[in-house]
Amino acid sequence: MFRLHKDRIAKVYGFEEEWGRVRCLCGHTFGIDKGSYYKMIGKAFTCSGTKRNA
């Protein structure tokens, strides 16, 4: 499960919220609004970078 916290979003490139769903401008759903964060659908998007666990 991926979480995207709303207070950590620095720049918005374009999405819309409708009925608790987060959609890109083409209409594809990639997350669910859970209040203070978005629950991301893992197979709906790609990401890059690494996460370092201590």
C-alpha atoms as a PDB file:
ATOM      1  CA  MET A   1       0.000   0.000   0.000  1.00  0.00           C
ATOM      2  CA  PHE A   2       1.304   3.405  -0.970  1.00  0.00           C
ATOM      3  CA  ARG A   3       0.343   6.600   0.831  1.00  0.00           C
ATOM      4  CA  LEU A   4       0.791  10.123  -0.446  1.00  0.00           C
ATOM      5  CA  HIS A   5       0.375  12.634   2.375  1.00  0.00           C
ATOM      6  CA  LYS A   6      -1.325  15.831   1.232  1.00  0.00           C
ATOM      7  CA  ASP A   7       0.927  18.118   3.290  1.00  0.00           C
ATOM      8  CA  ARG A   8       4.003  16.771   1.457  1.00  0.00           C
ATOM      9  CA  ILE A   9       2.783  17.648  -2.037  1.00  0.00           C
ATOM     10  CA  ALA A  10       5.068  20.401  -3.329  1.00  0.00           C
ATOM     11  CA  LYS A  11       3.752  20.858  -6.886  1.00  0.00           C
ATOM     12  CA  VAL A  12       0.534  19.717  -8.549  1.00  0.00           C
ATOM     13  CA  TYR A  13       0.750  18.921 -12.260  1.00  0.00           C
ATOM     14  CA  GLY A  14      -2.917  18.171 -12.709  1.00  0.00           C
ATOM     15  CA  PHE A  15      -5.503  15.841 -11.240  1.00  0.00           C
ATOM     16  CA  GLU A  16      -9.095  15.995 -10.145  1.00  0.00           C
ATOM     17  CA  GLU A  17     -10.966  14.610  -7.162  1.00  0.00           C
ATOM     18  CA  GLU A  18     -14.403  13.153  -7.724  1.00  0.00           C
ATOM     19  CA  TRP A  19     -16.495  11.055  -5.308  1.00  0.00           C
ATOM     20  CA  GLY A  20     -13.467  10.182  -3.155  1.00  0.00           C
ATOM     21  CA  ARG A  21     -11.396   9.084  -6.166  1.00  0.00           C
ATOM     22  CA  VAL A  22      -8.282  10.814  -7.458  1.00  0.00           C
ATOM     23  CA  ARG A  23      -8.067  10.835 -11.259  1.00  0.00           C
ATOM     24  CA  CYS A  24      -5.593  12.172 -13.778  1.00  0.00           C
ATOM     25  CA  LEU A  25      -6.921  14.552 -16.384  1.00  0.00           C
ATOM     26  CA  CYS A  26      -7.485  11.674 -18.849  1.00  0.00           C
ATOM     27  CA  GLY A  27      -9.911  10.074 -16.359  1.00  0.00           C
ATOM     28  CA  HIS A  28      -7.747   7.168 -15.108  1.00  0.00           C
ATOM     29  CA  THR A  29      -8.172   6.540 -11.336  1.00  0.00           C
ATOM     30  CA  PHE A  30      -4.883   6.285  -9.472  1.00  0.00           C
ATOM     31  CA  GLY A  31      -5.822   6.888  -5.835  1.00  0.00           C
ATOM     32  CA  ILE A  32      -8.485   7.142  -3.152  1.00  0.00           C
ATOM     33  CA  ASP A  33      -8.924  10.157  -0.861  1.00  0.00           C
ATOM     34  CA  LYS A  34      -8.562   9.071   2.786  1.00  0.00           C
ATOM     35  CA  GLY A  35      -8.638  12.485   4.481  1.00  0.00           C
ATOM     36  CA  SER A  36      -5.083  13.573   5.300  1.00  0.00           C
ATOM     37  CA  TYR A  37      -3.533  11.322   2.626  1.00  0.00           C
ATOM     38  CA  TYR A  38      -4.262   9.608  -0.677  1.00  0.00           C
ATOM     39  CA  LYS A  39      -4.172   5.815  -0.815  1.00  0.00           C
ATOM     40  CA  MET A  40      -2.427   5.128  -4.113  1.00  0.00           C
ATOM     41  CA  ILE A  41      -3.283   2.215  -6.403  1.00  0.00           C
ATOM     42  CA  GLY A  42       0.107   0.579  -6.997  1.00  0.00           C
ATOM     43  CA  LYS A  43      -0.521  -0.682 -10.532  1.00  0.00           C
ATOM     44  CA  ALA A  44      -1.999   2.622 -11.729  1.00  0.00           C
ATOM     45  CA  PHE A  45       1.214   4.686 -11.803  1.00  0.00           C
ATOM     46  CA  THR A  46       4.987   4.474 -12.117  1.00  0.00           C
ATOM     47  CA  CYS A  47       7.561   6.171  -9.929  1.00  0.00           C
ATOM     48  CA  SER A  48      11.317   6.542  -9.808  1.00  0.00           C
ATOM     49  CA  GLY A  49      13.820   6.963  -7.021  1.00  0.00           C
ATOM     50  CA  THR A  50      14.936   4.922  -4.080  1.00  0.00           C
ATOM     51  CA  LYS A  51      13.908   4.553  -0.480  1.00  0.00           C
ATOM     52  CA  ARG A  52      16.670   3.947   2.018  1.00  0.00           C
ATOM     53  CA  ASN A  53      15.804   1.926   5.100  1.00  0.00           C
ATOM     54  CA  ALA A  54      18.088   2.410   8.094  1.00  0.00           C
END
